[in-house]
Amino acid sequence: MSTTFVAARLEMARSIRQMTATALAAEVGVTAPWISQTENLKRAPSPELVREFARVLDFPVDFFYRPVTALPPTDAFHFRATSRLAKKDEQTARALSTLAIELSDWIEATYQAPAPSVPELQDLLDADEILPPDQAAELLRGAWGLGTAPVKNLLQLLESKGAKVYSAGGPLQAIDAFSFRHGATPVIFLNVHKSAERLRFDLAHELGHLVMHGGSLHVEPGKEKEQAANDFASSFLMPRADVLGSIRGNLMLEDILVLKRRWRVSAMALNLRAHRLGVISDWTYSTLARQLSSAGFRRGEPGSDLIAESSSLLTQVMADLRSQGRSFVGVARELNVRAQDIRALMLGLVTFAVEGEAQIRTPSRGNLRAV
């Protein structure tokens, strides 16, 4: 273990636990300015004080001496918040992203995971031109050889392209999703406390940000960028040709509830897509929207039996560890964090084998091999 205190770790630990400098100072018996000076490299804490930081913030002592080798980009985050994002939530998101990067680096050093192959839009074009979101979605589908068929499992498709997907549950209920690139690797965080259909849309939304806005932001931040990502997601999940070929005649509520299963999207999203494509009239769209809202589809997907997509990558990592008699604890120890912190990153995304079962159902493309 290094003997040099890493100030960035103190701020990271505070942000993950969502504890202010004032609150931490009161717990460890110093002043808030003292904490600020420590985080700004103006003071070096004694070993005894570091142990107090570890106790109060519930991190191993070694965590505060572990060098930070990689940080998420400060200017390429794409946040999708349920409301105006509080500064503390943004700080927590960035701190969790650092932990996710460290877990991703550990996975890549331990296993042969798929190489990153989620392109940015300019990589798909011959010239530096700007495409509308629907055309960008079609272009990516073509590059990935998806044709116009529905994507059965978007999460595992993205993992097969080298993306890492983690849970933003726990303290980040105000954030629907966010994404960034760590080098060439796309990293996506999802708030898993929602319907399977809406989780798929959030994934496609973040894919839109990564393809259209990652690295060089062609669209100014704000509502315009969010709408572009929504349009990309809608087009990627519900390809124009497939929708036009599947919807015949006037659309009724019963049709929406049947057809949404084809693309595994929310009823509201399908109604909007059909309207945007000119399949249904303004009157039909408005009527269906009112009917769906009255039936509770604005808040969720009543009666849906669609199972939320799980992470093939993380599930296989955990299954392999379990086969060796290891668990979260061993990984956490290597990263100098608590097992609960690793578990939180996988919350709602990992399918664990029940006691006595060694097999998990995952597509062959997601299979990992130890390095």
Protein backbone atom coordinates (compact mmCIF):
# COMPACT_ATOMS: atom_id res chain seq x y z
CA MET A 1 0.00 0.00 0.00
CA SER A 2 1.18 3.51 -0.82
CA THR A 3 1.86 5.78 2.15
CA THR A 4 0.81 8.92 0.28
CA PHE A 5 -2.68 10.22 1.06
CA VAL A 6 -4.68 10.84 -2.14
CA ALA A 7 -6.85 13.91 -1.60
CA ALA A 8 -9.11 13.12 -4.57
CA ARG A 9 -10.19 9.96 -2.77
CA LEU A 10 -11.58 11.95 0.14
CA GLU A 11 -13.79 14.05 -2.12
CA MET A 12 -14.78 10.91 -4.03
CA ALA A 13 -15.78 9.10 -0.83
CA ARG A 14 -17.77 12.09 0.41
CA SER A 15 -19.60 12.37 -2.91
CA ILE A 16 -20.50 8.67 -3.04
CA ARG A 17 -21.85 8.83 0.51
CA GLN A 18 -23.38 12.25 -0.21
CA MET A 19 -21.83 13.78 2.90
CA THR A 20 -20.96 17.46 3.01
CA ALA A 21 -17.59 18.73 4.19
CA THR A 22 -19.34 20.32 7.17
CA ALA A 23 -20.98 17.04 8.19
CA LEU A 24 -17.75 15.09 7.80
CA ALA A 25 -15.81 17.70 9.75
CA ALA A 26 -18.26 17.45 12.66
CA GLU A 27 -17.94 13.66 12.72
CA VAL A 28 -14.13 13.56 12.73
CA GLY A 29 -13.54 16.57 14.98
CA VAL A 30 -12.09 19.17 12.60
CA THR A 31 -13.49 22.23 10.82
CA ALA A 32 -15.10 22.35 7.37
CA PRO A 33 -12.27 24.59 6.05
CA TRP A 34 -9.84 21.92 7.24
CA ILE A 35 -11.61 19.34 5.04
CA SER A 36 -11.58 21.75 2.10
CA GLN A 37 -7.87 22.43 2.54
CA THR A 38 -7.18 18.69 2.68
CA GLU A 39 -9.08 18.08 -0.56
CA ASN A 40 -7.22 20.98 -2.17
CA LEU A 41 -3.80 19.59 -1.19
CA LYS A 42 -3.10 22.36 1.31
CA ARG A 43 -3.10 20.05 4.33
CA ALA A 44 -1.98 16.46 4.82
CA PRO A 45 -4.06 14.46 7.31
CA SER A 46 -2.42 12.30 9.93
CA PRO A 47 -2.82 8.50 9.71
CA GLU A 48 -5.18 8.73 12.68
CA LEU A 49 -7.41 11.22 10.87
CA VAL A 50 -7.42 9.09 7.73
CA ARG A 51 -8.68 6.21 9.85
CA GLU A 52 -11.46 8.48 11.06
CA PHE A 53 -12.34 9.36 7.45
CA ALA A 54 -12.50 5.65 6.70
CA ARG A 55 -14.73 4.94 9.70
CA VAL A 56 -17.21 7.75 9.06
CA LEU A 57 -17.39 7.33 5.28
CA ASP A 58 -17.33 3.52 5.47
CA PHE A 59 -14.40 2.93 3.14
CA PRO A 60 -11.30 0.83 3.82
CA VAL A 61 -8.31 2.88 4.96
CA ASP A 62 -6.38 1.69 1.89
CA PHE A 63 -8.93 3.44 -0.35
CA PHE A 64 -7.52 6.83 0.66
CA TYR A 65 -4.01 5.81 -0.38
CA ARG A 66 -4.95 4.25 -3.71
CA PRO A 67 -3.77 6.41 -6.65
CA VAL A 68 -6.46 7.65 -9.04
CA THR A 69 -5.24 6.52 -12.45
CA ALA A 70 -8.26 7.54 -14.54
CA LEU A 71 -11.06 10.06 -14.22
CA PRO A 72 -14.24 10.49 -16.26
CA PRO A 73 -14.15 13.44 -18.69
CA THR A 74 -15.28 16.72 -17.19
CA ASP A 75 -16.82 18.08 -20.40
CA ALA A 76 -18.48 15.07 -22.03
CA PHE A 77 -21.11 13.95 -19.54
CA HIS A 78 -24.65 13.56 -20.84
CA PHE A 79 -27.06 13.74 -17.91
CA ARG A 80 -30.73 12.86 -18.22
CA ALA A 81 -32.36 14.05 -15.02
CA THR A 82 -35.94 13.71 -13.82
CA SER A 83 -35.75 17.37 -12.79
CA ARG A 84 -33.11 20.07 -12.42
CA LEU A 85 -29.97 18.26 -11.30
CA ALA A 86 -28.59 19.20 -7.89
CA LYS A 87 -24.86 19.82 -7.67
CA LYS A 88 -24.46 17.04 -5.09
CA ASP A 89 -26.08 14.54 -7.46
CA GLU A 90 -23.73 15.54 -10.26
CA GLN A 91 -20.76 15.15 -7.90
CA THR A 92 -22.04 11.73 -6.83
CA ALA A 93 -22.44 10.70 -10.47
CA ARG A 94 -18.86 11.69 -11.26
CA ALA A 95 -17.53 9.88 -8.19
CA LEU A 96 -19.45 6.71 -9.03
CA SER A 97 -18.16 7.01 -12.59
CA THR A 98 -14.59 6.91 -11.31
CA LEU A 99 -15.40 3.76 -9.37
CA ALA A 100 -17.08 2.27 -12.46
CA ILE A 101 -14.00 3.03 -14.55
CA GLU A 102 -11.83 1.24 -12.00
CA LEU A 103 -14.15 -1.77 -12.03
CA SER A 104 -14.17 -1.74 -15.85
CA ASP A 105 -10.38 -1.60 -15.94
CA TRP A 106 -10.26 -4.54 -13.52
CA ILE A 107 -12.64 -6.55 -15.72
CA GLU A 108 -10.61 -5.81 -18.85
CA ALA A 109 -7.36 -6.74 -17.09
CA THR A 110 -8.87 -10.00 -15.84
CA TYR A 111 -11.02 -11.11 -18.78
CA GLN A 112 -11.04 -10.83 -22.56
CA ALA A 113 -14.04 -8.54 -22.87
CA PRO A 114 -15.35 -7.26 -26.24
CA ALA A 115 -13.34 -4.39 -27.70
CA PRO A 116 -15.10 -1.00 -27.92
CA SER A 117 -16.84 -0.51 -31.26
CA VAL A 118 -19.52 2.12 -30.64
CA PRO A 119 -18.65 4.75 -33.24
CA GLU A 120 -19.17 8.47 -33.17
CA LEU A 121 -21.25 9.85 -36.01
CA GLN A 122 -18.32 11.40 -37.88
CA ASP A 123 -16.67 7.96 -37.98
CA LEU A 124 -19.62 6.68 -40.02
CA LEU A 125 -19.60 9.52 -42.55
CA ASP A 126 -17.34 10.28 -45.48
CA ALA A 127 -17.52 14.00 -44.76
CA ASP A 128 -17.96 16.09 -41.62
CA GLU A 129 -21.70 16.51 -42.07
CA ILE A 130 -24.56 16.61 -39.60
CA LEU A 131 -27.35 14.06 -39.93
CA PRO A 132 -30.81 14.20 -38.36
CA PRO A 133 -31.20 11.73 -35.46
CA ASP A 134 -33.39 9.31 -37.43
CA GLN A 135 -30.81 9.05 -40.20
CA ALA A 136 -28.02 8.65 -37.65
CA ALA A 137 -29.92 5.75 -36.09
CA GLU A 138 -30.42 4.10 -39.49
CA LEU A 139 -26.74 4.59 -40.31
CA LEU A 140 -25.66 2.90 -37.08
CA ARG A 141 -28.09 0.04 -37.63
CA GLY A 142 -26.57 -0.46 -41.06
CA ALA A 143 -23.01 -0.35 -39.72
CA TRP A 144 -23.91 -3.00 -37.14
CA GLY A 145 -25.75 -5.18 -39.67
CA LEU A 146 -29.06 -5.00 -37.81
CA GLY A 147 -31.27 -4.36 -40.82
CA THR A 148 -34.77 -3.26 -39.82
CA ALA A 149 -35.55 -6.09 -37.40
CA PRO A 150 -36.35 -5.33 -33.74
CA VAL A 151 -33.42 -5.47 -31.32
CA LYS A 152 -34.23 -8.24 -28.88
CA ASN A 153 -31.73 -7.36 -26.16
CA LEU A 154 -30.25 -3.88 -26.43
CA LEU A 155 -28.15 -4.09 -23.27
CA GLN A 156 -26.34 -7.20 -24.42
CA LEU A 157 -25.97 -5.77 -27.93
CA LEU A 158 -24.18 -2.74 -26.48
CA GLU A 159 -21.99 -4.93 -24.30
CA SER A 160 -21.04 -6.96 -27.37
CA LYS A 161 -19.85 -3.63 -28.82
CA GLY A 162 -17.63 -2.99 -25.79
CA ALA A 163 -19.92 -0.71 -23.80
CA LYS A 164 -20.04 -0.96 -20.01
CA VAL A 165 -23.44 -0.53 -18.35
CA TYR A 166 -23.88 0.14 -14.63
CA SER A 167 -26.66 0.96 -12.20
CA ALA A 168 -27.30 4.52 -11.05
CA GLY A 169 -29.71 3.38 -8.38
CA GLY A 170 -29.30 4.11 -4.70
CA PRO A 171 -28.46 7.77 -4.10
CA LEU A 172 -29.06 8.85 -7.71
CA GLN A 173 -32.85 8.63 -7.98
CA ALA A 174 -32.94 12.11 -9.55
CA ILE A 175 -31.02 10.89 -12.61
CA ASP A 176 -32.69 8.78 -15.30
CA ALA A 177 -29.43 7.93 -17.01
CA PHE A 178 -26.06 9.37 -18.02
CA SER A 179 -23.19 8.39 -20.27
CA PHE A 180 -19.63 9.26 -21.22
CA ARG A 181 -16.62 7.75 -22.95
CA HIS A 182 -13.61 6.50 -21.02
CA GLY A 183 -11.10 6.54 -23.83
CA ALA A 184 -12.84 4.53 -26.53
CA THR A 185 -15.07 2.69 -24.04
CA PRO A 186 -18.67 3.91 -23.74
CA VAL A 187 -19.94 3.90 -20.15
CA ILE A 188 -23.67 4.12 -19.43
CA PHE A 189 -25.40 4.46 -16.07
CA LEU A 190 -29.10 3.59 -15.78
CA ASN A 191 -31.67 4.24 -13.09
CA VAL A 192 -33.01 0.69 -12.92
CA HIS A 193 -36.15 1.52 -10.95
CA LYS A 194 -38.52 1.66 -13.92
CA SER A 195 -40.22 -0.58 -16.45
CA ALA A 196 -38.24 -2.83 -18.79
CA GLU A 197 -39.56 -0.87 -21.76
CA ARG A 198 -38.39 2.45 -20.40
CA LEU A 199 -35.01 1.05 -19.48
CA ARG A 200 -34.54 0.01 -23.12
CA PHE A 201 -35.48 3.50 -24.25
CA ASP A 202 -33.04 5.06 -21.77
CA LEU A 203 -30.28 2.80 -23.13
CA ALA A 204 -31.08 3.82 -26.71
CA HIS A 205 -31.25 7.47 -25.62
CA GLU A 206 -27.75 7.27 -24.14
CA LEU A 207 -26.52 5.45 -27.25
CA GLY A 208 -27.78 8.44 -29.21
CA HIS A 209 -25.76 10.81 -27.04
CA LEU A 210 -22.64 8.70 -27.43
CA VAL A 211 -22.97 8.47 -31.21
CA MET A 212 -24.13 12.03 -31.94
CA HIS A 213 -22.62 14.09 -29.11
CA GLY A 214 -19.67 12.16 -27.70
CA GLY A 215 -16.32 13.90 -28.01
CA SER A 216 -17.41 16.76 -30.26
CA LEU A 217 -20.71 18.30 -29.24
CA HIS A 218 -22.50 19.27 -32.45
CA VAL A 219 -25.72 20.09 -30.55
CA GLU A 220 -25.80 22.68 -27.79
CA PRO A 221 -26.57 21.25 -24.33
CA GLY A 222 -30.17 21.45 -23.20
CA LYS A 223 -33.58 20.52 -24.53
CA GLU A 224 -32.46 20.35 -28.16
CA LYS A 225 -29.79 17.78 -27.37
CA GLU A 226 -32.20 15.74 -25.27
CA GLN A 227 -34.82 15.77 -28.02
CA ALA A 228 -32.22 14.64 -30.55
CA ALA A 229 -31.31 11.69 -28.31
CA ASN A 230 -35.00 10.84 -27.89
CA ASP A 231 -35.53 10.91 -31.65
CA PHE A 232 -32.47 8.71 -32.15
CA ALA A 233 -33.75 6.21 -29.57
CA SER A 234 -37.19 6.06 -31.15
CA SER A 235 -35.74 5.49 -34.62
CA PHE A 236 -33.19 2.94 -33.44
CA LEU A 237 -35.72 0.84 -31.52
CA MET A 238 -38.58 1.25 -34.00
CA PRO A 239 -37.08 1.42 -37.52
CA ARG A 240 -39.20 3.32 -40.01
CA ALA A 241 -39.54 0.48 -42.52
CA ASP A 242 -40.52 -2.04 -39.86
CA VAL A 243 -43.13 0.24 -38.31
CA LEU A 244 -44.65 1.13 -41.69
CA GLY A 245 -44.74 -2.54 -42.63
CA SER A 246 -46.33 -3.64 -39.36
CA ILE A 247 -49.07 -1.05 -38.89
CA ARG A 248 -51.92 -1.30 -41.35
CA GLY A 249 -55.05 0.81 -41.29
CA ASN A 250 -56.10 2.94 -38.37
CA LEU A 251 -54.43 2.22 -35.04
CA MET A 252 -56.53 1.43 -31.99
CA LEU A 253 -55.63 1.03 -28.32
CA GLU A 254 -55.68 -2.77 -28.57
CA ASP A 255 -53.28 -2.60 -31.52
CA ILE A 256 -50.83 -0.46 -29.55
CA LEU A 257 -50.82 -2.93 -26.66
CA VAL A 258 -50.08 -5.83 -29.02
CA LEU A 259 -47.55 -4.10 -31.29
CA LYS A 260 -45.48 -2.58 -28.49
CA ARG A 261 -44.36 -6.13 -27.68
CA ARG A 262 -42.74 -6.40 -31.11
CA TRP A 263 -40.31 -3.55 -30.47
CA ARG A 264 -40.31 -3.91 -26.66
CA VAL A 265 -41.11 -0.26 -26.14
CA SER A 266 -43.64 1.64 -24.07
CA ALA A 267 -47.14 2.16 -25.42
CA MET A 268 -46.64 5.93 -25.28
CA ALA A 269 -43.41 5.69 -27.29
CA LEU A 270 -45.06 3.60 -30.00
CA ASN A 271 -48.02 5.97 -30.26
CA LEU A 272 -45.64 8.92 -30.71
CA ARG A 273 -43.51 7.06 -33.25
CA ALA A 274 -46.55 6.11 -35.33
CA HIS A 275 -47.68 9.74 -35.31
CA ARG A 276 -44.24 11.09 -36.24
CA LEU A 277 -44.12 8.69 -39.19
CA GLY A 278 -47.54 9.83 -40.39
CA VAL A 279 -49.14 6.44 -39.82
CA ILE A 280 -51.88 7.95 -37.66
CA SER A 281 -53.59 11.33 -37.70
CA ASP A 282 -53.30 14.08 -35.11
CA TRP A 283 -56.76 13.16 -33.84
CA THR A 284 -55.94 9.45 -33.49
CA TYR A 285 -52.65 10.24 -31.76
CA SER A 286 -54.34 12.57 -29.26
CA THR A 287 -57.16 10.11 -28.62
CA LEU A 288 -54.75 7.24 -28.01
CA ALA A 289 -52.56 9.41 -25.77
CA ARG A 290 -55.58 10.26 -23.60
CA GLN A 291 -56.68 6.63 -23.44
CA LEU A 292 -53.20 5.45 -22.53
CA SER A 293 -52.80 8.14 -19.90
CA SER A 294 -56.14 7.23 -18.31
CA ALA A 295 -55.06 3.59 -18.21
CA GLY A 296 -51.84 4.44 -16.35
CA PHE A 297 -49.38 4.20 -19.25
CA ARG A 298 -47.89 7.63 -18.63
CA ARG A 299 -46.37 6.37 -15.38
CA GLY A 300 -45.52 2.79 -16.36
CA GLU A 301 -46.55 -0.23 -18.43
CA PRO A 302 -49.57 -1.84 -16.72
CA GLY A 303 -49.85 -5.55 -17.43
CA SER A 304 -46.44 -5.82 -19.06
CA ASP A 305 -44.64 -9.14 -18.68
CA LEU A 306 -41.43 -7.92 -20.31
CA ILE A 307 -38.44 -8.78 -18.14
CA ALA A 308 -35.81 -6.09 -17.70
CA GLU A 309 -32.63 -6.80 -19.64
CA SER A 310 -29.68 -7.98 -17.59
CA SER A 311 -25.97 -7.50 -18.09
CA SER A 312 -24.40 -10.54 -19.72
CA LEU A 313 -20.93 -9.18 -19.00
CA LEU A 314 -21.39 -8.54 -15.28
CA THR A 315 -23.43 -11.71 -14.79
CA GLN A 316 -20.68 -13.84 -16.30
CA VAL A 317 -17.99 -12.08 -14.28
CA MET A 318 -19.90 -12.81 -11.08
CA ALA A 319 -20.59 -16.41 -12.14
CA ASP A 320 -16.90 -16.97 -12.84
CA LEU A 321 -15.93 -15.49 -9.48
CA ARG A 322 -18.50 -17.67 -7.77
CA SER A 323 -17.11 -20.78 -9.49
CA GLN A 324 -13.77 -19.91 -7.88
CA GLY A 325 -15.35 -19.48 -4.47
CA ARG A 326 -15.05 -15.69 -4.72
CA SER A 327 -17.65 -12.92 -4.67
CA PHE A 328 -18.12 -9.17 -4.47
CA VAL A 329 -15.82 -9.17 -1.48
CA GLY A 330 -12.74 -10.25 -3.40
CA VAL A 331 -13.25 -7.69 -6.16
CA ALA A 332 -13.98 -4.98 -3.61
CA ARG A 333 -10.81 -5.84 -1.72
CA GLU A 334 -8.74 -5.48 -4.89
CA LEU A 335 -10.30 -2.07 -5.55
CA ASN A 336 -10.07 -1.01 -1.88
CA VAL A 337 -13.82 -0.41 -1.56
CA ARG A 338 -16.69 -2.11 0.26
CA ALA A 339 -18.55 -5.03 -1.30
CA GLN A 340 -21.73 -2.94 -1.10
CA ASP A 341 -20.18 -0.40 -3.48
CA ILE A 342 -19.53 -3.04 -6.14
CA ARG A 343 -22.98 -4.52 -5.62
CA ALA A 344 -24.58 -1.07 -6.03
CA LEU A 345 -22.99 -0.69 -9.48
CA MET A 346 -24.65 -3.95 -10.53
CA LEU A 347 -28.02 -3.42 -8.82
CA GLY A 348 -30.83 -4.58 -11.09
CA LEU A 349 -28.44 -5.54 -13.91
CA VAL A 350 -26.98 -8.86 -12.78
CA THR A 351 -28.73 -12.23 -12.87
CA PHE A 352 -27.17 -14.33 -10.14
CA ALA A 353 -27.32 -18.11 -10.26
CA VAL A 354 -29.27 -19.59 -7.38
CA GLU A 355 -27.44 -21.72 -4.86
CA GLY A 356 -26.22 -24.91 -6.49
CA GLU A 357 -26.58 -23.68 -10.08
CA ALA A 358 -23.46 -23.04 -12.12
CA GLN A 359 -25.05 -22.12 -15.44
CA ILE A 360 -26.47 -18.81 -16.56
CA ARG A 361 -28.22 -18.20 -19.83
CA THR A 362 -26.26 -15.72 -21.90
CA PRO A 363 -25.59 -15.36 -25.63
CA SER A 364 -22.29 -16.79 -26.84
CA ARG A 365 -21.10 -13.41 -28.08
CA GLY A 366 -20.92 -12.25 -24.45
CA ASN A 367 -18.76 -15.13 -23.24
CA LEU A 368 -15.70 -14.06 -21.28
CA ARG A 369 -12.35 -15.75 -21.02
CA ALA A 370 -9.87 -15.13 -18.25
CA VAL A 371 -6.70 -13.37 -19.39
